[in-house]
Amino acid sequence: MTNPDPRLVIVEDDPAFARTLCRSFERRGYAVRHAASPEALEKLLESETFDYAVVDLKLGTASGLGCVQMLHQLDPEMRIVVLTGFASIATAVEAIKLGASHYLAKPANTDDIEEAFGREGGDPSVPVDTRKSSIKTVEWEYIHSTLVECDFNISEAARRLGMHRRTLARKLEKRQLR
């Protein structure tokens, strides 16, 4: 009896990027399914199980962190990689706490993701940077931790940060890695 193809779900709201990832993983022998939203993922999980997952952190107005939690609760052994164009320490920590195996900043390709699936645990030999964070980095981290607290609701985050919603939106557009 041969082993079935590894089963992968890609949770991504950008149709072009999702299509590219799906095709690339299918060429590598994965059985791939796609969900564009947390609701679509929930419906898919009613009838299917997966070995691996790639979850975009920002799914339109929704957070991918809920998807990470849902997938991990369903199968704690599933290898979950979070991809984001909005990388921050706060969201990385939350993703790992909720069950993600790894967290990658975009742009990431299929090789990067597949390597992350195969990595077990952390790397204690990673050098600790002694350079202090800049004020811009500290501001960026604070903004993102507030966004996580607000489940990526920009209006609520702007209110909590004491800034105009459009100002926050401009700051997010400037630092976007997509």
N, C-alpha and C. Protein backbone atom coordinates (compact mmCIF):
# COMPACT_ATOMS: atom_id res chain seq x y z
N MET A 1 0.84 -1.18 0.00
CA MET A 1 0.00 0.00 0.00
C MET A 1 0.89 1.25 0.00
N THR A 2 0.59 2.21 -0.86
CA THR A 2 1.38 3.43 -0.93
C THR A 2 0.81 4.47 0.03
N ASN A 3 1.70 5.35 0.48
CA ASN A 3 1.25 6.43 1.35
C ASN A 3 0.46 7.44 0.53
N PRO A 4 -0.66 7.92 1.06
CA PRO A 4 -1.41 8.94 0.33
C PRO A 4 -0.62 10.25 0.33
N ASP A 5 -0.97 11.11 -0.62
CA ASP A 5 -0.32 12.42 -0.67
C ASP A 5 -0.55 13.16 0.63
N PRO A 6 0.45 13.93 1.08
CA PRO A 6 0.23 14.75 2.27
C PRO A 6 -0.89 15.76 1.98
N ARG A 7 -1.77 15.94 2.95
CA ARG A 7 -2.93 16.83 2.76
C ARG A 7 -2.62 18.21 3.32
N LEU A 8 -2.86 19.23 2.50
CA LEU A 8 -2.53 20.61 2.83
C LEU A 8 -3.73 21.52 2.59
N VAL A 9 -3.99 22.40 3.55
CA VAL A 9 -5.00 23.44 3.36
C VAL A 9 -4.28 24.78 3.35
N ILE A 10 -4.63 25.61 2.37
CA ILE A 10 -4.08 26.96 2.26
C ILE A 10 -5.21 27.94 2.55
N VAL A 11 -5.03 28.75 3.59
CA VAL A 11 -6.02 29.74 3.97
C VAL A 11 -5.45 31.10 3.56
N GLU A 12 -5.94 31.61 2.45
CA GLU A 12 -5.38 32.82 1.84
C GLU A 12 -6.48 33.54 1.09
N ASP A 13 -6.61 34.86 1.31
CA ASP A 13 -7.68 35.62 0.66
C ASP A 13 -7.26 36.25 -0.68
N ASP A 14 -5.98 36.23 -1.00
CA ASP A 14 -5.51 36.76 -2.29
C ASP A 14 -5.61 35.62 -3.31
N PRO A 15 -6.57 35.69 -4.25
CA PRO A 15 -6.80 34.57 -5.17
C PRO A 15 -5.58 34.21 -6.02
N ALA A 16 -4.84 35.20 -6.50
CA ALA A 16 -3.68 34.93 -7.36
C ALA A 16 -2.58 34.22 -6.56
N PHE A 17 -2.30 34.71 -5.36
CA PHE A 17 -1.26 34.10 -4.53
C PHE A 17 -1.68 32.69 -4.11
N ALA A 18 -2.96 32.52 -3.76
CA ALA A 18 -3.47 31.20 -3.36
C ALA A 18 -3.34 30.21 -4.51
N ARG A 19 -3.70 30.64 -5.71
CA ARG A 19 -3.63 29.77 -6.89
C ARG A 19 -2.17 29.34 -7.14
N THR A 20 -1.25 30.29 -7.02
CA THR A 20 0.16 29.99 -7.23
C THR A 20 0.67 28.98 -6.20
N LEU A 21 0.33 29.21 -4.93
CA LEU A 21 0.75 28.28 -3.87
C LEU A 21 0.14 26.90 -4.09
N CYS A 22 -1.14 26.86 -4.40
CA CYS A 22 -1.81 25.57 -4.62
C CYS A 22 -1.12 24.78 -5.72
N ARG A 23 -0.88 25.42 -6.85
CA ARG A 23 -0.24 24.73 -7.98
C ARG A 23 1.16 24.25 -7.63
N SER A 24 1.90 25.10 -6.94
CA SER A 24 3.27 24.75 -6.58
C SER A 24 3.31 23.54 -5.64
N PHE A 25 2.42 23.51 -4.65
CA PHE A 25 2.40 22.38 -3.73
C PHE A 25 1.85 21.12 -4.40
N GLU A 26 0.90 21.27 -5.31
CA GLU A 26 0.39 20.11 -6.04
C GLU A 26 1.49 19.47 -6.87
N ARG A 27 2.36 20.29 -7.48
CA ARG A 27 3.49 19.75 -8.25
C ARG A 27 4.46 18.99 -7.35
N ARG A 28 4.47 19.29 -6.08
CA ARG A 28 5.35 18.61 -5.12
C ARG A 28 4.69 17.39 -4.48
N GLY A 29 3.48 17.07 -4.93
CA GLY A 29 2.82 15.86 -4.46
C GLY A 29 1.84 16.03 -3.32
N TYR A 30 1.48 17.24 -2.99
CA TYR A 30 0.50 17.48 -1.93
C TYR A 30 -0.91 17.45 -2.51
N ALA A 31 -1.86 16.96 -1.71
CA ALA A 31 -3.29 17.08 -2.03
C ALA A 31 -3.73 18.39 -1.39
N VAL A 32 -4.02 19.40 -2.20
CA VAL A 32 -4.22 20.76 -1.71
C VAL A 32 -5.67 21.19 -1.79
N ARG A 33 -6.12 21.86 -0.74
CA ARG A 33 -7.44 22.51 -0.72
C ARG A 33 -7.22 23.97 -0.32
N HIS A 34 -8.15 24.83 -0.73
CA HIS A 34 -8.01 26.26 -0.47
C HIS A 34 -9.26 26.78 0.23
N ALA A 35 -9.05 27.65 1.21
CA ALA A 35 -10.14 28.37 1.87
C ALA A 35 -9.75 29.85 1.88
N ALA A 36 -10.67 30.71 1.48
CA ALA A 36 -10.37 32.14 1.38
C ALA A 36 -10.75 32.94 2.63
N SER A 37 -11.39 32.27 3.60
CA SER A 37 -11.84 32.97 4.80
C SER A 37 -11.96 31.98 5.96
N PRO A 38 -12.05 32.50 7.18
CA PRO A 38 -12.26 31.61 8.33
C PRO A 38 -13.53 30.77 8.19
N GLU A 39 -14.56 31.36 7.63
CA GLU A 39 -15.83 30.64 7.45
C GLU A 39 -15.68 29.50 6.44
N ALA A 40 -14.96 29.78 5.36
CA ALA A 40 -14.72 28.74 4.35
C ALA A 40 -13.87 27.61 4.93
N LEU A 41 -12.91 27.96 5.78
CA LEU A 41 -12.08 26.94 6.42
C LEU A 41 -12.94 26.08 7.35
N GLU A 42 -13.78 26.71 8.13
CA GLU A 42 -14.64 25.97 9.05
C GLU A 42 -15.52 24.98 8.29
N LYS A 43 -16.09 25.40 7.17
CA LYS A 43 -16.93 24.52 6.35
C LYS A 43 -16.11 23.36 5.79
N LEU A 44 -14.90 23.66 5.33
CA LEU A 44 -14.01 22.63 4.77
C LEU A 44 -13.64 21.59 5.83
N LEU A 45 -13.42 22.04 7.06
CA LEU A 45 -13.01 21.14 8.14
C LEU A 45 -14.13 20.22 8.62
N GLU A 46 -15.36 20.50 8.20
CA GLU A 46 -16.49 19.63 8.55
C GLU A 46 -16.36 18.26 7.86
N SER A 47 -15.69 18.25 6.70
CA SER A 47 -15.63 17.00 5.93
C SER A 47 -14.21 16.52 5.60
N GLU A 48 -13.18 17.33 5.92
CA GLU A 48 -11.82 16.94 5.55
C GLU A 48 -10.85 17.17 6.70
N THR A 49 -9.75 16.43 6.67
CA THR A 49 -8.67 16.62 7.63
C THR A 49 -7.38 16.90 6.86
N PHE A 50 -6.41 17.49 7.53
CA PHE A 50 -5.17 17.90 6.87
C PHE A 50 -3.96 17.59 7.74
N ASP A 51 -2.84 17.41 7.06
CA ASP A 51 -1.56 17.20 7.74
C ASP A 51 -0.83 18.53 7.93
N TYR A 52 -1.04 19.44 6.98
CA TYR A 52 -0.33 20.72 6.95
C TYR A 52 -1.31 21.85 6.65
N ALA A 53 -0.92 23.05 7.10
CA ALA A 53 -1.72 24.24 6.80
C ALA A 53 -0.80 25.44 6.61
N VAL A 54 -1.19 26.29 5.65
CA VAL A 54 -0.55 27.58 5.46
C VAL A 54 -1.65 28.60 5.67
N VAL A 55 -1.45 29.50 6.62
CA VAL A 55 -2.50 30.46 6.98
C VAL A 55 -1.96 31.88 6.84
N ASP A 56 -2.65 32.70 6.06
CA ASP A 56 -2.33 34.11 5.96
C ASP A 56 -2.81 34.78 7.24
N LEU A 57 -2.02 35.69 7.78
CA LEU A 57 -2.38 36.34 9.04
C LEU A 57 -3.57 37.27 8.87
N LYS A 58 -3.63 37.98 7.74
CA LYS A 58 -4.70 38.96 7.54
C LYS A 58 -5.56 38.47 6.39
N LEU A 59 -6.79 38.13 6.71
CA LEU A 59 -7.74 37.61 5.73
C LEU A 59 -8.86 38.63 5.54
N GLY A 60 -8.61 39.60 4.66
CA GLY A 60 -9.58 40.69 4.51
C GLY A 60 -9.64 41.47 5.81
N THR A 61 -10.82 41.51 6.42
CA THR A 61 -10.96 42.19 7.70
C THR A 61 -10.82 41.22 8.88
N ALA A 62 -10.65 39.95 8.59
CA ALA A 62 -10.53 38.94 9.65
C ALA A 62 -9.06 38.63 9.94
N SER A 63 -8.83 38.04 11.10
CA SER A 63 -7.49 37.62 11.49
C SER A 63 -7.33 36.12 11.23
N GLY A 64 -6.17 35.75 10.72
CA GLY A 64 -5.87 34.34 10.52
C GLY A 64 -5.54 33.62 11.83
N LEU A 65 -5.36 34.37 12.92
CA LEU A 65 -5.04 33.75 14.20
C LEU A 65 -6.16 32.82 14.66
N GLY A 66 -7.41 33.19 14.38
CA GLY A 66 -8.53 32.32 14.72
C GLY A 66 -8.48 31.01 13.94
N CYS A 67 -8.01 31.08 12.70
CA CYS A 67 -7.86 29.87 11.88
C CYS A 67 -6.77 28.97 12.46
N VAL A 68 -5.68 29.58 12.92
CA VAL A 68 -4.60 28.80 13.53
C VAL A 68 -5.14 28.06 14.74
N GLN A 69 -5.88 28.77 15.57
CA GLN A 69 -6.45 28.16 16.78
C GLN A 69 -7.40 27.02 16.42
N MET A 70 -8.26 27.25 15.43
CA MET A 70 -9.22 26.24 14.99
C MET A 70 -8.50 24.98 14.49
N LEU A 71 -7.49 25.17 13.66
CA LEU A 71 -6.75 24.04 13.10
C LEU A 71 -6.00 23.27 14.19
N HIS A 72 -5.37 24.00 15.10
CA HIS A 72 -4.61 23.35 16.16
C HIS A 72 -5.52 22.57 17.12
N GLN A 73 -6.70 23.12 17.41
CA GLN A 73 -7.64 22.41 18.29
C GLN A 73 -8.13 21.14 17.63
N LEU A 74 -8.31 21.18 16.32
CA LEU A 74 -8.77 20.01 15.57
C LEU A 74 -7.70 18.91 15.54
N ASP A 75 -6.44 19.31 15.35
CA ASP A 75 -5.34 18.35 15.29
C ASP A 75 -4.05 19.00 15.79
N PRO A 76 -3.69 18.78 17.05
CA PRO A 76 -2.48 19.40 17.61
C PRO A 76 -1.18 18.98 16.92
N GLU A 77 -1.22 17.89 16.14
CA GLU A 77 -0.02 17.44 15.43
C GLU A 77 0.14 18.10 14.06
N MET A 78 -0.88 18.83 13.60
CA MET A 78 -0.82 19.47 12.29
C MET A 78 0.30 20.51 12.28
N ARG A 79 1.06 20.54 11.19
CA ARG A 79 2.13 21.53 11.01
C ARG A 79 1.50 22.76 10.37
N ILE A 80 1.46 23.87 11.10
CA ILE A 80 0.82 25.09 10.64
C ILE A 80 1.87 26.18 10.47
N VAL A 81 1.93 26.77 9.28
CA VAL A 81 2.84 27.88 9.01
C VAL A 81 1.99 29.11 8.74
N VAL A 82 2.28 30.18 9.46
CA VAL A 82 1.59 31.46 9.26
C VAL A 82 2.44 32.31 8.33
N LEU A 83 1.80 32.86 7.30
CA LEU A 83 2.44 33.79 6.37
C LEU A 83 1.85 35.16 6.60
N THR A 84 2.70 36.18 6.53
CA THR A 84 2.15 37.51 6.70
C THR A 84 2.95 38.58 5.99
N GLY A 85 2.24 39.56 5.52
CA GLY A 85 2.84 40.77 5.00
C GLY A 85 2.89 41.82 6.08
N PHE A 86 2.43 41.49 7.28
CA PHE A 86 2.37 42.41 8.41
C PHE A 86 3.14 41.82 9.59
N ALA A 87 4.39 41.45 9.36
CA ALA A 87 5.17 40.76 10.39
C ALA A 87 5.41 41.65 11.61
N SER A 88 5.23 41.07 12.79
CA SER A 88 5.55 41.75 14.04
C SER A 88 5.81 40.70 15.10
N ILE A 89 6.53 41.09 16.12
CA ILE A 89 6.81 40.17 17.21
C ILE A 89 5.51 39.76 17.90
N ALA A 90 4.62 40.72 18.10
CA ALA A 90 3.36 40.44 18.80
C ALA A 90 2.55 39.36 18.09
N THR A 91 2.40 39.48 16.77
CA THR A 91 1.60 38.49 16.05
C THR A 91 2.33 37.16 15.95
N ALA A 92 3.65 37.19 15.86
CA ALA A 92 4.42 35.94 15.83
C ALA A 92 4.23 35.17 17.13
N VAL A 93 4.32 35.87 18.25
CA VAL A 93 4.16 35.23 19.55
C VAL A 93 2.75 34.65 19.68
N GLU A 94 1.75 35.41 19.30
CA GLU A 94 0.37 34.91 19.40
C GLU A 94 0.14 33.71 18.50
N ALA A 95 0.68 33.75 17.28
CA ALA A 95 0.51 32.63 16.35
C ALA A 95 1.11 31.35 16.94
N ILE A 96 2.30 31.45 17.52
CA ILE A 96 2.95 30.27 18.10
C ILE A 96 2.17 29.79 19.32
N LYS A 97 1.70 30.71 20.15
CA LYS A 97 0.91 30.32 21.33
C LYS A 97 -0.36 29.58 20.92
N LEU A 98 -0.93 29.98 19.79
CA LEU A 98 -2.19 29.37 19.34
C LEU A 98 -1.99 28.06 18.58
N GLY A 99 -0.73 27.70 18.31
CA GLY A 99 -0.50 26.39 17.70
C GLY A 99 0.26 26.39 16.39
N ALA A 100 0.68 27.54 15.89
CA ALA A 100 1.45 27.55 14.65
C ALA A 100 2.82 26.93 14.90
N SER A 101 3.32 26.23 13.91
CA SER A 101 4.66 25.64 13.99
C SER A 101 5.72 26.70 13.68
N HIS A 102 5.43 27.53 12.68
CA HIS A 102 6.36 28.57 12.25
C HIS A 102 5.61 29.77 11.72
N TYR A 103 6.33 30.86 11.59
CA TYR A 103 5.78 32.15 11.19
C TYR A 103 6.76 32.74 10.18
N LEU A 104 6.29 32.99 8.96
CA LEU A 104 7.16 33.51 7.91
C LEU A 104 6.61 34.83 7.37
N ALA A 105 7.51 35.78 7.17
CA ALA A 105 7.12 37.06 6.57
C ALA A 105 7.13 36.91 5.05
N LYS A 106 6.14 37.52 4.40
CA LYS A 106 6.11 37.54 2.95
C LYS A 106 7.19 38.50 2.47
N PRO A 107 7.82 38.28 1.38
CA PRO A 107 7.52 37.20 0.45
C PRO A 107 8.18 35.90 0.90
N ALA A 108 7.42 34.84 0.89
CA ALA A 108 7.93 33.50 1.18
C ALA A 108 7.48 32.61 0.03
N ASN A 109 8.35 31.68 -0.35
CA ASN A 109 7.98 30.80 -1.46
C ASN A 109 7.73 29.38 -0.95
N THR A 110 7.41 28.50 -1.87
CA THR A 110 7.09 27.12 -1.52
C THR A 110 8.24 26.43 -0.80
N ASP A 111 9.47 26.71 -1.24
CA ASP A 111 10.64 26.12 -0.58
C ASP A 111 10.71 26.54 0.89
N ASP A 112 10.49 27.84 1.15
CA ASP A 112 10.53 28.35 2.53
C ASP A 112 9.46 27.68 3.39
N ILE A 113 8.27 27.56 2.83
CA ILE A 113 7.15 26.98 3.58
C ILE A 113 7.40 25.50 3.84
N GLU A 114 7.83 24.78 2.82
CA GLU A 114 8.07 23.35 2.99
C GLU A 114 9.20 23.11 4.00
N GLU A 115 10.22 23.96 3.98
CA GLU A 115 11.30 23.86 4.96
C GLU A 115 10.75 24.09 6.37
N ALA A 116 9.85 25.06 6.51
CA ALA A 116 9.24 25.34 7.82
C ALA A 116 8.40 24.16 8.29
N PHE A 117 7.71 23.47 7.37
CA PHE A 117 6.95 22.27 7.76
C PHE A 117 7.87 21.22 8.39
N GLY A 118 9.08 21.11 7.85
CA GLY A 118 10.01 20.07 8.29
C GLY A 118 10.81 20.41 9.53
N ARG A 119 10.84 21.68 9.91
CA ARG A 119 11.63 22.07 11.07
C ARG A 119 10.91 21.70 12.35
N GLU A 120 11.65 21.09 13.26
CA GLU A 120 11.10 20.75 14.57
C GLU A 120 11.68 21.70 15.60
N GLY A 121 10.84 22.32 16.38
CA GLY A 121 11.31 23.18 17.47
C GLY A 121 12.05 24.41 16.98
N GLY A 122 12.67 25.08 17.92
CA GLY A 122 13.40 26.30 17.61
C GLY A 122 14.89 26.03 17.44
N ASP A 123 15.63 27.07 17.14
CA ASP A 123 17.07 26.98 16.94
C ASP A 123 17.77 27.80 18.01
N PRO A 124 18.34 27.13 19.04
CA PRO A 124 18.99 27.88 20.12
C PRO A 124 20.27 28.57 19.70
N SER A 125 20.78 28.26 18.50
CA SER A 125 22.02 28.90 18.05
C SER A 125 21.78 30.22 17.33
N VAL A 126 20.53 30.62 17.18
CA VAL A 126 20.24 31.90 16.53
C VAL A 126 20.84 33.00 17.41
N PRO A 127 21.65 33.88 16.80
CA PRO A 127 22.30 34.92 17.61
C PRO A 127 21.29 35.90 18.17
N VAL A 128 21.54 36.32 19.39
CA VAL A 128 20.70 37.33 20.04
C VAL A 128 21.25 38.68 19.63
N ASP A 129 20.42 39.48 19.03
CA ASP A 129 20.84 40.80 18.56
C ASP A 129 20.90 41.75 19.74
N THR A 130 22.04 42.37 19.93
CA THR A 130 22.19 43.29 21.06
C THR A 130 21.85 44.72 20.67
N ARG A 131 21.52 44.93 19.40
CA ARG A 131 21.15 46.27 18.95
C ARG A 131 19.79 46.64 19.52
N LYS A 132 19.67 47.84 20.01
CA LYS A 132 18.39 48.29 20.56
C LYS A 132 17.42 48.60 19.42
N SER A 133 16.15 48.44 19.72
CA SER A 133 15.11 48.73 18.74
C SER A 133 15.00 50.24 18.53
N SER A 134 14.73 50.62 17.29
CA SER A 134 14.51 52.03 16.99
C SER A 134 13.11 52.43 17.46
N ILE A 135 12.89 53.71 17.55
CA ILE A 135 11.57 54.21 17.94
C ILE A 135 10.52 53.75 16.93
N LYS A 136 10.88 53.75 15.64
CA LYS A 136 9.94 53.30 14.61
C LYS A 136 9.58 51.83 14.80
N THR A 137 10.56 51.00 15.16
CA THR A 137 10.30 49.57 15.40
C THR A 137 9.41 49.40 16.63
N VAL A 138 9.70 50.13 17.68
CA VAL A 138 8.88 50.04 18.90
C VAL A 138 7.45 50.48 18.59
N GLU A 139 7.30 51.56 17.82
CA GLU A 139 5.96 52.02 17.43
C GLU A 139 5.24 50.95 16.62
N TRP A 140 5.95 50.36 15.66
CA TRP A 140 5.39 49.32 14.80
C TRP A 140 4.91 48.13 15.63
N GLU A 141 5.73 47.70 16.58
CA GLU A 141 5.36 46.57 17.44
C GLU A 141 4.14 46.91 18.30
N TYR A 142 4.09 48.12 18.82
CA TYR A 142 2.96 48.54 19.65
C TYR A 142 1.68 48.59 18.82
N ILE A 143 1.77 49.12 17.62
CA ILE A 143 0.61 49.16 16.73
C ILE A 143 0.11 47.75 16.47
N HIS A 144 1.02 46.84 16.18
CA HIS A 144 0.60 45.47 15.86
C HIS A 144 0.06 44.72 17.06
N SER A 145 0.61 44.96 18.23
CA SER A 145 0.05 44.29 19.41
C SER A 145 -1.37 44.81 19.68
N THR A 146 -1.58 46.09 19.42
CA THR A 146 -2.93 46.65 19.57
C THR A 146 -3.87 46.08 18.52
N LEU A 147 -3.40 45.94 17.29
CA LEU A 147 -4.23 45.33 16.24
C LEU A 147 -4.63 43.90 16.60
N VAL A 148 -3.70 43.14 17.17
CA VAL A 148 -4.01 41.77 17.59
C VAL A 148 -5.09 41.79 18.66
N GLU A 149 -4.94 42.70 19.64
CA GLU A 149 -5.95 42.80 20.71
C GLU A 149 -7.33 43.12 20.15
N CYS A 150 -7.36 43.88 19.05
CA CYS A 150 -8.62 44.31 18.43
C CYS A 150 -9.05 43.39 17.30
N ASP A 151 -8.40 42.23 17.16
CA ASP A 151 -8.71 41.29 16.10
C ASP A 151 -8.66 41.97 14.72
N PHE A 152 -7.65 42.84 14.54
CA PHE A 152 -7.38 43.55 13.30
C PHE A 152 -8.49 44.51 12.87
N ASN A 153 -9.27 44.99 13.83
CA ASN A 153 -10.27 46.03 13.57
C ASN A 153 -9.53 47.37 13.61
N ILE A 154 -9.31 47.97 12.44
CA ILE A 154 -8.50 49.18 12.35
C ILE A 154 -9.15 50.35 13.09
N SER A 155 -10.44 50.49 13.01
CA SER A 155 -11.11 51.60 13.70
C SER A 155 -10.93 51.50 15.22
N GLU A 156 -11.12 50.31 15.76
CA GLU A 156 -10.96 50.11 17.21
C GLU A 156 -9.50 50.30 17.62
N ALA A 157 -8.57 49.78 16.82
CA ALA A 157 -7.14 49.95 17.13
C ALA A 157 -6.75 51.42 17.12
N ALA A 158 -7.23 52.16 16.13
CA ALA A 158 -6.93 53.60 16.07
C ALA A 158 -7.47 54.31 17.30
N ARG A 159 -8.68 53.95 17.74
CA ARG A 159 -9.26 54.56 18.94
C ARG A 159 -8.37 54.28 20.15
N ARG A 160 -7.95 53.02 20.31
CA ARG A 160 -7.11 52.65 21.46
C ARG A 160 -5.73 53.31 21.39
N LEU A 161 -5.23 53.52 20.18
CA LEU A 161 -3.91 54.15 20.02
C LEU A 161 -3.98 55.67 20.09
N GLY A 162 -5.20 56.21 20.08
CA GLY A 162 -5.37 57.66 20.15
C GLY A 162 -4.96 58.37 18.87
N MET A 163 -5.22 57.72 17.73
CA MET A 163 -4.90 58.34 16.45
C MET A 163 -6.09 58.21 15.50
N HIS A 164 -6.07 59.03 14.48
CA HIS A 164 -7.14 58.98 13.49
C HIS A 164 -7.02 57.68 12.70
N ARG A 165 -8.16 57.13 12.32
CA ARG A 165 -8.20 55.87 11.58
C ARG A 165 -7.38 55.95 10.29
N ARG A 166 -7.48 57.06 9.56
CA ARG A 166 -6.74 57.21 8.30
C ARG A 166 -5.23 57.26 8.55
N THR A 167 -4.82 57.86 9.66
CA THR A 167 -3.40 57.90 10.00
C THR A 167 -2.87 56.49 10.22
N LEU A 168 -3.64 55.69 10.97
CA LEU A 168 -3.24 54.30 11.20
C LEU A 168 -3.20 53.53 9.88
N ALA A 169 -4.20 53.71 9.03
CA ALA A 169 -4.23 53.01 7.75
C ALA A 169 -3.01 53.38 6.90
N ARG A 170 -2.61 54.66 6.91
CA ARG A 170 -1.41 55.08 6.16
C ARG A 170 -0.15 54.43 6.71
N LYS A 171 -0.04 54.36 8.03
CA LYS A 171 1.13 53.72 8.65
C LYS A 171 1.19 52.25 8.25
N LEU A 172 0.06 51.58 8.24
CA LEU A 172 0.02 50.16 7.87
C LEU A 172 0.39 49.97 6.40
N GLU A 173 -0.07 50.86 5.53
CA GLU A 173 0.27 50.75 4.11
C GLU A 173 1.76 50.94 3.88
N LYS A 174 2.39 51.85 4.63
CA LYS A 174 3.83 52.11 4.47
C LYS A 174 4.66 50.90 4.82
N ARG A 175 4.28 50.17 5.85
CA ARG A 175 5.10 49.06 6.35
C ARG A 175 4.70 47.71 5.78
N GLN A 176 3.68 47.67 4.96
CA GLN A 176 3.22 46.40 4.41
C GLN A 176 4.32 45.76 3.58
N LEU A 177 4.54 44.45 3.76
CA LEU A 177 5.62 43.74 3.06
C LEU A 177 5.16 43.05 1.80
N ARG A 178 3.89 43.05 1.50
CA ARG A 178 3.40 42.34 0.31
C ARG A 178 3.97 42.86 -0.95
